[in-house]
Amino acid sequence: MSWLGRLFNPAPPPRPPSPPPNAVIIPDDIATELGGGDAPLQATVEEALRSLVEIRRRAAEHDAEGLPFWLRREAGQKGEIDESLRDRVTQRRAAETET
């Protein structure tokens, strides 16, 4: 190749080696927030990931039905709820007939 070809058509810069398939590149701003004191970054990230997995596991145990906590019913209380609602309706009707 002539010197003009090298001048006007330079070779592209070599690409950096690709990381292994299980490697993750963490942005610098997040890496600074993950500083675990004297612990290396890998240990801090591993601890954060294990904590996240544990939180999700606990949430899945408590959220078996997929309902928000305020709509959940305790297991085995359906009959008690029906009875208490029936009692309330009876009391309300009795109060209405008295007036």
PDB file of N, CA and C in Angstrom:
ATOM      1  N   MET A   1       0.853  -1.163   0.000  1.00  0.00           N
ATOM      2  CA  MET A   1       0.000   0.000   0.000  1.00  0.00           C
ATOM      3  C   MET A   1       0.903   1.232   0.000  1.00  0.00           C
ATOM      4  N   SER A   2       0.512   2.196  -0.782  1.00  0.00           N
ATOM      5  CA  SER A   2       1.322   3.400  -0.891  1.00  0.00           C
ATOM      6  C   SER A   2       1.144   4.269   0.344  1.00  0.00           C
ATOM      7  N   TRP A   3       2.007   5.236   0.454  1.00  0.00           N
ATOM      8  CA  TRP A   3       1.925   6.123   1.617  1.00  0.00           C
ATOM      9  C   TRP A   3       0.681   6.986   1.557  1.00  0.00           C
ATOM     10  N   LEU A   4       0.155   7.297   0.360  1.00  0.00           N
ATOM     11  CA  LEU A   4      -1.085   8.060   0.259  1.00  0.00           C
ATOM     12  C   LEU A   4      -2.271   7.218   0.740  1.00  0.00           C
ATOM     13  N   GLY A   5      -2.260   5.951   0.414  1.00  0.00           N
ATOM     14  CA  GLY A   5      -3.328   5.063   0.870  1.00  0.00           C
ATOM     15  C   GLY A   5      -3.348   4.957   2.389  1.00  0.00           C
ATOM     16  N   ARG A   6      -2.171   4.868   2.984  1.00  0.00           N
ATOM     17  CA  ARG A   6      -2.106   4.801   4.448  1.00  0.00           C
ATOM     18  C   ARG A   6      -2.503   6.118   5.084  1.00  0.00           C
ATOM     19  N   LEU A   7      -2.225   7.235   4.393  1.00  0.00           N
ATOM     20  CA  LEU A   7      -2.544   8.546   4.929  1.00  0.00           C
ATOM     21  C   LEU A   7      -4.050   8.805   4.910  1.00  0.00           C
ATOM     22  N   PHE A   8      -4.701   8.475   3.821  1.00  0.00           N
ATOM     23  CA  PHE A   8      -6.125   8.775   3.683  1.00  0.00           C
ATOM     24  C   PHE A   8      -7.043   7.620   4.092  1.00  0.00           C
ATOM     25  N   ASN A   9      -6.537   6.448   4.198  1.00  0.00           N
ATOM     26  CA  ASN A   9      -7.329   5.278   4.587  1.00  0.00           C
ATOM     27  C   ASN A   9      -6.654   4.542   5.736  1.00  0.00           C
ATOM     28  N   PRO A  10      -6.579   5.168   6.892  1.00  0.00           N
ATOM     29  CA  PRO A  10      -5.880   4.472   7.981  1.00  0.00           C
ATOM     30  C   PRO A  10      -6.690   3.257   8.443  1.00  0.00           C
ATOM     31  N   ALA A  11      -5.995   2.309   8.950  1.00  0.00           N
ATOM     32  CA  ALA A  11      -6.651   1.098   9.471  1.00  0.00           C
ATOM     33  C   ALA A  11      -7.442   1.465  10.719  1.00  0.00           C
ATOM     34  N   PRO A  12      -8.604   0.863  10.892  1.00  0.00           N
ATOM     35  CA  PRO A  12      -9.377   1.171  12.103  1.00  0.00           C
ATOM     36  C   PRO A  12      -8.610   0.725  13.345  1.00  0.00           C
ATOM     37  N   PRO A  13      -8.827   1.447  14.444  1.00  0.00           N
ATOM     38  CA  PRO A  13      -8.118   1.056  15.669  1.00  0.00           C
ATOM     39  C   PRO A  13      -8.582  -0.336  16.109  1.00  0.00           C
ATOM     40  N   PRO A  14      -7.694  -1.076  16.712  1.00  0.00           N
ATOM     41  CA  PRO A  14      -8.088  -2.427  17.141  1.00  0.00           C
ATOM     42  C   PRO A  14      -9.179  -2.359  18.208  1.00  0.00           C
ATOM     43  N   ARG A  15     -10.128  -3.283  18.118  1.00  0.00           N
ATOM     44  CA  ARG A  15     -11.218  -3.328  19.091  1.00  0.00           C
ATOM     45  C   ARG A  15     -10.715  -3.913  20.403  1.00  0.00           C
ATOM     46  N   PRO A  16     -11.224  -3.386  21.505  1.00  0.00           N
ATOM     47  CA  PRO A  16     -10.815  -3.972  22.790  1.00  0.00           C
ATOM     48  C   PRO A  16     -11.380  -5.393  22.895  1.00  0.00           C
ATOM     49  N   PRO A  17     -10.708  -6.244  23.627  1.00  0.00           N
ATOM     50  CA  PRO A  17     -11.208  -7.618  23.746  1.00  0.00           C
ATOM     51  C   PRO A  17     -12.569  -7.632  24.432  1.00  0.00           C
ATOM     52  N   SER A  18     -13.428  -8.508  23.970  1.00  0.00           N
ATOM     53  CA  SER A  18     -14.768  -8.583  24.567  1.00  0.00           C
ATOM     54  C   SER A  18     -14.682  -9.283  25.925  1.00  0.00           C
ATOM     55  N   PRO A  19     -15.498  -8.831  26.869  1.00  0.00           N
ATOM     56  CA  PRO A  19     -15.471  -9.461  28.196  1.00  0.00           C
ATOM     57  C   PRO A  19     -16.074 -10.864  28.135  1.00  0.00           C
ATOM     58  N   PRO A  20     -15.770 -11.697  29.104  1.00  0.00           N
ATOM     59  CA  PRO A  20     -16.373 -13.030  29.144  1.00  0.00           C
ATOM     60  C   PRO A  20     -17.895 -12.920  29.228  1.00  0.00           C
ATOM     61  N   PRO A  21     -18.619 -13.983  28.865  1.00  0.00           N
ATOM     62  CA  PRO A  21     -20.086 -13.896  28.840  1.00  0.00           C
ATOM     63  C   PRO A  21     -20.722 -13.594  30.191  1.00  0.00           C
ATOM     64  N   ASN A  22     -20.079 -13.931  31.286  1.00  0.00           N
ATOM     65  CA  ASN A  22     -20.677 -13.667  32.599  1.00  0.00           C
ATOM     66  C   ASN A  22     -20.108 -12.413  33.258  1.00  0.00           C
ATOM     67  N   ALA A  23     -19.352 -11.620  32.510  1.00  0.00           N
ATOM     68  CA  ALA A  23     -18.792 -10.381  33.056  1.00  0.00           C
ATOM     69  C   ALA A  23     -19.780  -9.240  32.853  1.00  0.00           C
ATOM     70  N   VAL A  24     -19.768  -8.303  33.771  1.00  0.00           N
ATOM     71  CA  VAL A  24     -20.653  -7.146  33.709  1.00  0.00           C
ATOM     72  C   VAL A  24     -19.797  -5.898  33.824  1.00  0.00           C
ATOM     73  N   ILE A  25     -20.094  -4.922  32.986  1.00  0.00           N
ATOM     74  CA  ILE A  25     -19.382  -3.646  33.056  1.00  0.00           C
ATOM     75  C   ILE A  25     -20.260  -2.690  33.843  1.00  0.00           C
ATOM     76  N   ILE A  26     -19.739  -2.215  34.959  1.00  0.00           N
ATOM     77  CA  ILE A  26     -20.494  -1.326  35.842  1.00  0.00           C
ATOM     78  C   ILE A  26     -20.065   0.107  35.558  1.00  0.00           C
ATOM     79  N   PRO A  27     -21.029   0.997  35.294  1.00  0.00           N
ATOM     80  CA  PRO A  27     -20.668   2.402  35.073  1.00  0.00           C
ATOM     81  C   PRO A  27     -19.951   2.983  36.295  1.00  0.00           C
ATOM     82  N   ASP A  28     -19.087   3.942  36.034  1.00  0.00           N
ATOM     83  CA  ASP A  28     -18.266   4.516  37.103  1.00  0.00           C
ATOM     84  C   ASP A  28     -19.095   5.166  38.204  1.00  0.00           C
ATOM     85  N   ASP A  29     -20.199   5.840  37.834  1.00  0.00           N
ATOM     86  CA  ASP A  29     -20.989   6.512  38.867  1.00  0.00           C
ATOM     87  C   ASP A  29     -21.632   5.510  39.822  1.00  0.00           C
ATOM     88  N   ILE A  30     -22.017   4.348  39.319  1.00  0.00           N
ATOM     89  CA  ILE A  30     -22.593   3.321  40.198  1.00  0.00           C
ATOM     90  C   ILE A  30     -21.492   2.644  41.004  1.00  0.00           C
ATOM     91  N   ALA A  31     -20.346   2.437  40.380  1.00  0.00           N
ATOM     92  CA  ALA A  31     -19.239   1.781  41.078  1.00  0.00           C
ATOM     93  C   ALA A  31     -18.782   2.597  42.275  1.00  0.00           C
ATOM     94  N   THR A  32     -18.803   3.927  42.160  1.00  0.00           N
ATOM     95  CA  THR A  32     -18.386   4.748  43.299  1.00  0.00           C
ATOM     96  C   THR A  32     -19.396   4.650  44.437  1.00  0.00           C
ATOM     97  N   GLU A  33     -20.694   4.500  44.100  1.00  0.00           N
ATOM     98  CA  GLU A  33     -21.712   4.369  45.141  1.00  0.00           C
ATOM     99  C   GLU A  33     -21.685   2.993  45.800  1.00  0.00           C
ATOM    100  N   LEU A  34     -21.152   1.997  45.099  1.00  0.00           N
ATOM    101  CA  LEU A  34     -21.101   0.646  45.650  1.00  0.00           C
ATOM    102  C   LEU A  34     -19.873   0.416  46.512  1.00  0.00           C
ATOM    103  N   GLY A  35     -19.088   1.412  46.733  1.00  0.00           N
ATOM    104  CA  GLY A  35     -17.881   1.231  47.519  1.00  0.00           C
ATOM    105  C   GLY A  35     -18.184   0.587  48.854  1.00  0.00           C
ATOM    106  N   GLY A  36     -17.591  -0.548  49.104  1.00  0.00           N
ATOM    107  CA  GLY A  36     -17.864  -1.281  50.329  1.00  0.00           C
ATOM    108  C   GLY A  36     -16.772  -1.108  51.358  1.00  0.00           C
ATOM    109  N   GLY A  37     -16.200   0.063  51.424  1.00  0.00           N
ATOM    110  CA  GLY A  37     -15.128   0.280  52.393  1.00  0.00           C
ATOM    111  C   GLY A  37     -13.858  -0.389  51.917  1.00  0.00           C
ATOM    112  N   ASP A  38     -13.330  -1.302  52.735  1.00  0.00           N
ATOM    113  CA  ASP A  38     -12.090  -1.990  52.386  1.00  0.00           C
ATOM    114  C   ASP A  38     -12.329  -3.200  51.496  1.00  0.00           C
ATOM    115  N   ALA A  39     -13.581  -3.631  51.348  1.00  0.00           N
ATOM    116  CA  ALA A  39     -13.884  -4.814  50.539  1.00  0.00           C
ATOM    117  C   ALA A  39     -13.715  -4.482  49.060  1.00  0.00           C
ATOM    118  N   PRO A  40     -13.250  -5.460  48.278  1.00  0.00           N
ATOM    119  CA  PRO A  40     -13.140  -5.207  46.841  1.00  0.00           C
ATOM    120  C   PRO A  40     -14.525  -5.064  46.211  1.00  0.00           C
ATOM    121  N   LEU A  41     -14.560  -4.444  45.048  1.00  0.00           N
ATOM    122  CA  LEU A  41     -15.830  -4.177  44.372  1.00  0.00           C
ATOM    123  C   LEU A  41     -16.583  -5.470  44.074  1.00  0.00           C
ATOM    124  N   GLN A  42     -15.877  -6.522  43.719  1.00  0.00           N
ATOM    125  CA  GLN A  42     -16.545  -7.786  43.402  1.00  0.00           C
ATOM    126  C   GLN A  42     -17.315  -8.310  44.609  1.00  0.00           C
ATOM    127  N   ALA A  43     -16.732  -8.229  45.789  1.00  0.00           N
ATOM    128  CA  ALA A  43     -17.422  -8.705  46.992  1.00  0.00           C
ATOM    129  C   ALA A  43     -18.644  -7.848  47.288  1.00  0.00           C
ATOM    130  N   THR A  44     -18.528  -6.546  47.081  1.00  0.00           N
ATOM    131  CA  THR A  44     -19.657  -5.647  47.323  1.00  0.00           C
ATOM    132  C   THR A  44     -20.795  -5.926  46.357  1.00  0.00           C
ATOM    133  N   VAL A  45     -20.461  -6.115  45.084  1.00  0.00           N
ATOM    134  CA  VAL A  45     -21.489  -6.403  44.078  1.00  0.00           C
ATOM    135  C   VAL A  45     -22.130  -7.752  44.353  1.00  0.00           C
ATOM    136  N   GLU A  46     -21.326  -8.739  44.718  1.00  0.00           N
ATOM    137  CA  GLU A  46     -21.877 -10.064  45.023  1.00  0.00           C
ATOM    138  C   GLU A  46     -22.836  -9.990  46.209  1.00  0.00           C
ATOM    139  N   GLU A  47     -22.470  -9.239  47.232  1.00  0.00           N
ATOM    140  CA  GLU A  47     -23.345  -9.077  48.398  1.00  0.00           C
ATOM    141  C   GLU A  47     -24.650  -8.384  48.012  1.00  0.00           C
ATOM    142  N   ALA A  48     -24.556  -7.357  47.167  1.00  0.00           N
ATOM    143  CA  ALA A  48     -25.765  -6.646  46.725  1.00  0.00           C
ATOM    144  C   ALA A  48     -26.668  -7.555  45.903  1.00  0.00           C
ATOM    145  N   LEU A  49     -26.087  -8.364  45.032  1.00  0.00           N
ATOM    146  CA  LEU A  49     -26.894  -9.281  44.222  1.00  0.00           C
ATOM    147  C   LEU A  49     -27.539 -10.366  45.070  1.00  0.00           C
ATOM    148  N   ARG A  50     -26.798 -10.902  46.038  1.00  0.00           N
ATOM    149  CA  ARG A  50     -27.390 -11.917  46.921  1.00  0.00           C
ATOM    150  C   ARG A  50     -28.539 -11.321  47.733  1.00  0.00           C
ATOM    151  N   SER A  51     -28.371 -10.085  48.173  1.00  0.00           N
ATOM    152  CA  SER A  51     -29.434  -9.410  48.913  1.00  0.00           C
ATOM    153  C   SER A  51     -30.670  -9.228  48.031  1.00  0.00           C
ATOM    154  N   LEU A  52     -30.467  -8.840  46.785  1.00  0.00           N
ATOM    155  CA  LEU A  52     -31.584  -8.673  45.854  1.00  0.00           C
ATOM    156  C   LEU A  52     -32.305  -9.994  45.608  1.00  0.00           C
ATOM    157  N   VAL A  53     -31.548 -11.064  45.422  1.00  0.00           N
ATOM    158  CA  VAL A  53     -32.159 -12.381  45.212  1.00  0.00           C
ATOM    159  C   VAL A  53     -32.967 -12.788  46.440  1.00  0.00           C
ATOM    160  N   GLU A  54     -32.452 -12.546  47.628  1.00  0.00           N
ATOM    161  CA  GLU A  54     -33.164 -12.891  48.863  1.00  0.00           C
ATOM    162  C   GLU A  54     -34.444 -12.066  49.002  1.00  0.00           C
ATOM    163  N   ILE A  55     -34.375 -10.782  48.687  1.00  0.00           N
ATOM    164  CA  ILE A  55     -35.562  -9.924  48.764  1.00  0.00           C
ATOM    165  C   ILE A  55     -36.627 -10.414  47.794  1.00  0.00           C
ATOM    166  N   ARG A  56     -36.228 -10.763  46.582  1.00  0.00           N
ATOM    167  CA  ARG A  56     -37.201 -11.269  45.603  1.00  0.00           C
ATOM    168  C   ARG A  56     -37.780 -12.606  46.032  1.00  0.00           C
ATOM    169  N   ARG A  57     -36.959 -13.463  46.648  1.00  0.00           N
ATOM    170  CA  ARG A  57     -37.458 -14.761  47.103  1.00  0.00           C
ATOM    171  C   ARG A  57     -38.500 -14.571  48.197  1.00  0.00           C
ATOM    172  N   ARG A  58     -38.215 -13.682  49.142  1.00  0.00           N
ATOM    173  CA  ARG A  58     -39.176 -13.424  50.223  1.00  0.00           C
ATOM    174  C   ARG A  58     -40.459 -12.805  49.684  1.00  0.00           C
ATOM    175  N   ALA A  59     -40.324 -11.897  48.732  1.00  0.00           N
ATOM    176  CA  ALA A  59     -41.511 -11.274  48.142  1.00  0.00           C
ATOM    177  C   ALA A  59     -42.355 -12.305  47.408  1.00  0.00           C
ATOM    178  N   ALA A  60     -41.708 -13.254  46.748  1.00  0.00           N
ATOM    179  CA  ALA A  60     -42.461 -14.290  46.036  1.00  0.00           C
ATOM    180  C   ALA A  60     -43.194 -15.197  47.015  1.00  0.00           C
ATOM    181  N   GLU A  61     -42.601 -15.469  48.170  1.00  0.00           N
ATOM    182  CA  GLU A  61     -43.270 -16.301  49.179  1.00  0.00           C
ATOM    183  C   GLU A  61     -44.517 -15.602  49.708  1.00  0.00           C
ATOM    184  N   HIS A  62     -44.400 -14.306  49.968  1.00  0.00           N
ATOM    185  CA  HIS A  62     -45.521 -13.565  50.540  1.00  0.00           C
ATOM    186  C   HIS A  62     -46.542 -13.158  49.490  1.00  0.00           C
ATOM    187  N   ASP A  63     -46.143 -13.165  48.240  1.00  0.00           N
ATOM    188  CA  ASP A  63     -47.021 -12.697  47.177  1.00  0.00           C
ATOM    189  C   ASP A  63     -47.452 -13.855  46.290  1.00  0.00           C
ATOM    190  N   ALA A  64     -47.800 -14.967  46.898  1.00  0.00           N
ATOM    191  CA  ALA A  64     -48.156 -16.156  46.137  1.00  0.00           C
ATOM    192  C   ALA A  64     -49.380 -15.920  45.264  1.00  0.00           C
ATOM    193  N   GLU A  65     -50.337 -15.166  45.750  1.00  0.00           N
ATOM    194  CA  GLU A  65     -51.556 -14.935  44.989  1.00  0.00           C
ATOM    195  C   GLU A  65     -51.426 -13.753  44.045  1.00  0.00           C
ATOM    196  N   GLY A  66     -50.434 -12.928  44.222  1.00  0.00           N
ATOM    197  CA  GLY A  66     -50.277 -11.756  43.383  1.00  0.00           C
ATOM    198  C   GLY A  66     -51.185 -10.606  43.776  1.00  0.00           C
ATOM    199  N   LEU A  67     -51.752 -10.652  44.956  1.00  0.00           N
ATOM    200  CA  LEU A  67     -52.638  -9.592  45.424  1.00  0.00           C
ATOM    201  C   LEU A  67     -51.875  -8.621  46.316  1.00  0.00           C
ATOM    202  N   PRO A  68     -52.259  -7.360  46.329  1.00  0.00           N
ATOM    203  CA  PRO A  68     -51.652  -6.431  47.276  1.00  0.00           C
ATOM    204  C   PRO A  68     -51.969  -6.853  48.710  1.00  0.00           C
ATOM    205  N   PHE A  69     -51.138  -6.454  49.643  1.00  0.00           N
ATOM    206  CA  PHE A  69     -51.291  -6.926  51.015  1.00  0.00           C
ATOM    207  C   PHE A  69     -52.628  -6.525  51.621  1.00  0.00           C
ATOM    208  N   TRP A  70     -53.201  -5.397  51.196  1.00  0.00           N
ATOM    209  CA  TRP A  70     -54.448  -4.951  51.813  1.00  0.00           C
ATOM    210  C   TRP A  70     -55.662  -5.725  51.290  1.00  0.00           C
ATOM    211  N   LEU A  71     -55.488  -6.500  50.202  1.00  0.00           N
ATOM    212  CA  LEU A  71     -56.595  -7.295  49.685  1.00  0.00           C
ATOM    213  C   LEU A  71     -56.482  -8.775  50.039  1.00  0.00           C
ATOM    214  N   ARG A  72     -55.381  -9.154  50.638  1.00  0.00           N
ATOM    215  CA  ARG A  72     -55.179 -10.565  50.971  1.00  0.00           C
ATOM    216  C   ARG A  72     -56.064 -10.987  52.125  1.00  0.00           C
ATOM    217  N   ARG A  73     -56.467 -12.231  52.090  1.00  0.00           N
ATOM    218  CA  ARG A  73     -57.219 -12.818  53.197  1.00  0.00           C
ATOM    219  C   ARG A  73     -56.371 -13.917  53.804  1.00  0.00           C
ATOM    220  N   GLU A  74     -56.476 -14.044  55.075  1.00  0.00           N
ATOM    221  CA  GLU A  74     -55.750 -15.114  55.742  1.00  0.00           C
ATOM    222  C   GLU A  74     -56.385 -16.443  55.363  1.00  0.00           C
ATOM    223  N   ALA A  75     -55.565 -17.454  55.223  1.00  0.00           N
ATOM    224  CA  ALA A  75     -56.072 -18.772  54.844  1.00  0.00           C
ATOM    225  C   ALA A  75     -56.987 -19.309  55.938  1.00  0.00           C
ATOM    226  N   GLY A  76     -58.108 -19.850  55.549  1.00  0.00           N
ATOM    227  CA  GLY A  76     -59.030 -20.452  56.497  1.00  0.00           C
ATOM    228  C   GLY A  76     -59.987 -19.487  57.149  1.00  0.00           C
ATOM    229  N   GLN A  77     -59.986 -18.230  56.788  1.00  0.00           N
ATOM    230  CA  GLN A  77     -60.876 -17.261  57.422  1.00  0.00           C
ATOM    231  C   GLN A  77     -62.091 -16.931  56.566  1.00  0.00           C
ATOM    232  N   LYS A  78     -62.250 -17.586  55.436  1.00  0.00           N
ATOM    233  CA  LYS A  78     -63.363 -17.245  54.551  1.00  0.00           C
ATOM    234  C   LYS A  78     -64.699 -17.438  55.251  1.00  0.00           C
ATOM    235  N   GLY A  79     -64.860 -18.536  55.956  1.00  0.00           N
ATOM    236  CA  GLY A  79     -66.106 -18.772  56.675  1.00  0.00           C
ATOM    237  C   GLY A  79     -66.355 -17.736  57.751  1.00  0.00           C
ATOM    238  N   GLU A  80     -65.304 -17.348  58.453  1.00  0.00           N
ATOM    239  CA  GLU A  80     -65.437 -16.344  59.506  1.00  0.00           C
ATOM    240  C   GLU A  80     -65.822 -14.988  58.919  1.00  0.00           C
ATOM    241  N   ILE A  81     -65.282 -14.664  57.771  1.00  0.00           N
ATOM    242  CA  ILE A  81     -65.618 -13.389  57.136  1.00  0.00           C
ATOM    243  C   ILE A  81     -67.073 -13.394  56.705  1.00  0.00           C
ATOM    244  N   ASP A  82     -67.510 -14.501  56.109  1.00  0.00           N
ATOM    245  CA  ASP A  82     -68.910 -14.594  55.688  1.00  0.00           C
ATOM    246  C   ASP A  82     -69.846 -14.449  56.880  1.00  0.00           C
ATOM    247  N   GLU A  83     -69.500 -15.091  57.986  1.00  0.00           N
ATOM    248  CA  GLU A  83     -70.339 -15.001  59.185  1.00  0.00           C
ATOM    249  C   GLU A  83     -70.358 -13.581  59.741  1.00  0.00           C
ATOM    250  N   SER A  84     -69.203 -12.930  59.766  1.00  0.00           N
ATOM    251  CA  SER A  84     -69.167 -11.565  60.305  1.00  0.00           C
ATOM    252  C   SER A  84     -69.944 -10.607  59.404  1.00  0.00           C
ATOM    253  N   LEU A  85     -69.872 -10.792  58.089  1.00  0.00           N
ATOM    254  CA  LEU A  85     -70.662  -9.949  57.193  1.00  0.00           C
ATOM    255  C   LEU A  85     -72.152 -10.205  57.371  1.00  0.00           C
ATOM    256  N   ARG A  86     -72.509 -11.457  57.533  1.00  0.00           N
ATOM    257  CA  ARG A  86     -73.916 -11.795  57.754  1.00  0.00           C
ATOM    258  C   ARG A  86     -74.416 -11.154  59.046  1.00  0.00           C
ATOM    259  N   ASP A  87     -73.593 -11.188  60.102  1.00  0.00           N
ATOM    260  CA  ASP A  87     -73.969 -10.568  61.376  1.00  0.00           C
ATOM    261  C   ASP A  87     -74.140  -9.058  61.215  1.00  0.00           C
ATOM    262  N   ARG A  88     -73.263  -8.414  60.479  1.00  0.00           N
ATOM    263  CA  ARG A  88     -73.372  -6.966  60.271  1.00  0.00           C
ATOM    264  C   ARG A  88     -74.654  -6.612  59.522  1.00  0.00           C
ATOM    265  N   VAL A  89     -74.962  -7.393  58.490  1.00  0.00           N
ATOM    266  CA  VAL A  89     -76.186  -7.126  57.725  1.00  0.00           C
ATOM    267  C   VAL A  89     -77.404  -7.302  58.614  1.00  0.00           C
ATOM    268  N   THR A  90     -77.394  -8.339  59.437  1.00  0.00           N
ATOM    269  CA  THR A  90     -78.518  -8.584  60.346  1.00  0.00           C
ATOM    270  C   THR A  90     -78.652  -7.435  61.336  1.00  0.00           C
ATOM    271  N   GLN A  91     -77.548  -6.974  61.896  1.00  0.00           N
ATOM    272  CA  GLN A  91     -77.588  -5.865  62.846  1.00  0.00           C
ATOM    273  C   GLN A  91     -78.072  -4.583  62.177  1.00  0.00           C
ATOM    274  N   ARG A  92     -77.625  -4.329  60.958  1.00  0.00           N
ATOM    275  CA  ARG A  92     -78.044  -3.116  60.255  1.00  0.00           C
ATOM    276  C   ARG A  92     -79.540  -3.166  59.948  1.00  0.00           C
ATOM    277  N   ARG A  93     -80.033  -4.321  59.513  1.00  0.00           N
ATOM    278  CA  ARG A  93     -81.466  -4.447  59.224  1.00  0.00           C
ATOM    279  C   ARG A  93     -82.291  -4.282  60.495  1.00  0.00           C
ATOM    280  N   ALA A  94     -81.785  -4.834  61.598  1.00  0.00           N
ATOM    281  CA  ALA A  94     -82.501  -4.689  62.868  1.00  0.00           C
ATOM    282  C   ALA A  94     -82.537  -3.224  63.286  1.00  0.00           C
ATOM    283  N   ALA A  95     -81.441  -2.514  63.075  1.00  0.00           N
ATOM    284  CA  ALA A  95     -81.392  -1.097  63.432  1.00  0.00           C
ATOM    285  C   ALA A  95     -82.327  -0.285  62.535  1.00  0.00           C
ATOM    286  N   GLU A  96     -82.451  -0.655  61.277  1.00  0.00           N
ATOM    287  CA  GLU A  96     -83.338   0.070  60.363  1.00  0.00           C
ATOM    288  C   GLU A  96     -84.807  -0.145  60.723  1.00  0.00           C
ATOM    289  N   THR A  97     -85.148  -1.357  61.140  1.00  0.00           N
ATOM    290  CA  THR A  97     -86.550  -1.636  61.486  1.00  0.00           C
ATOM    291  C   THR A  97     -86.940  -0.962  62.790  1.00  0.00           C
ATOM    292  N   GLU A  98     -85.979  -0.727  63.686  1.00  0.00           N
ATOM    293  CA  GLU A  98     -86.273  -0.074  64.960  1.00  0.00           C
ATOM    294  C   GLU A  98     -86.571   1.402  64.765  1.00  0.00           C
ATOM    295  N   THR A  99     -86.000   2.016  63.763  1.00  0.00           N
ATOM    296  CA  THR A  99     -86.211   3.458  63.577  1.00  0.00           C
ATOM    297  C   THR A  99     -87.439   3.785  62.785  1.00  0.00           C
TER     298      THR A  99
END
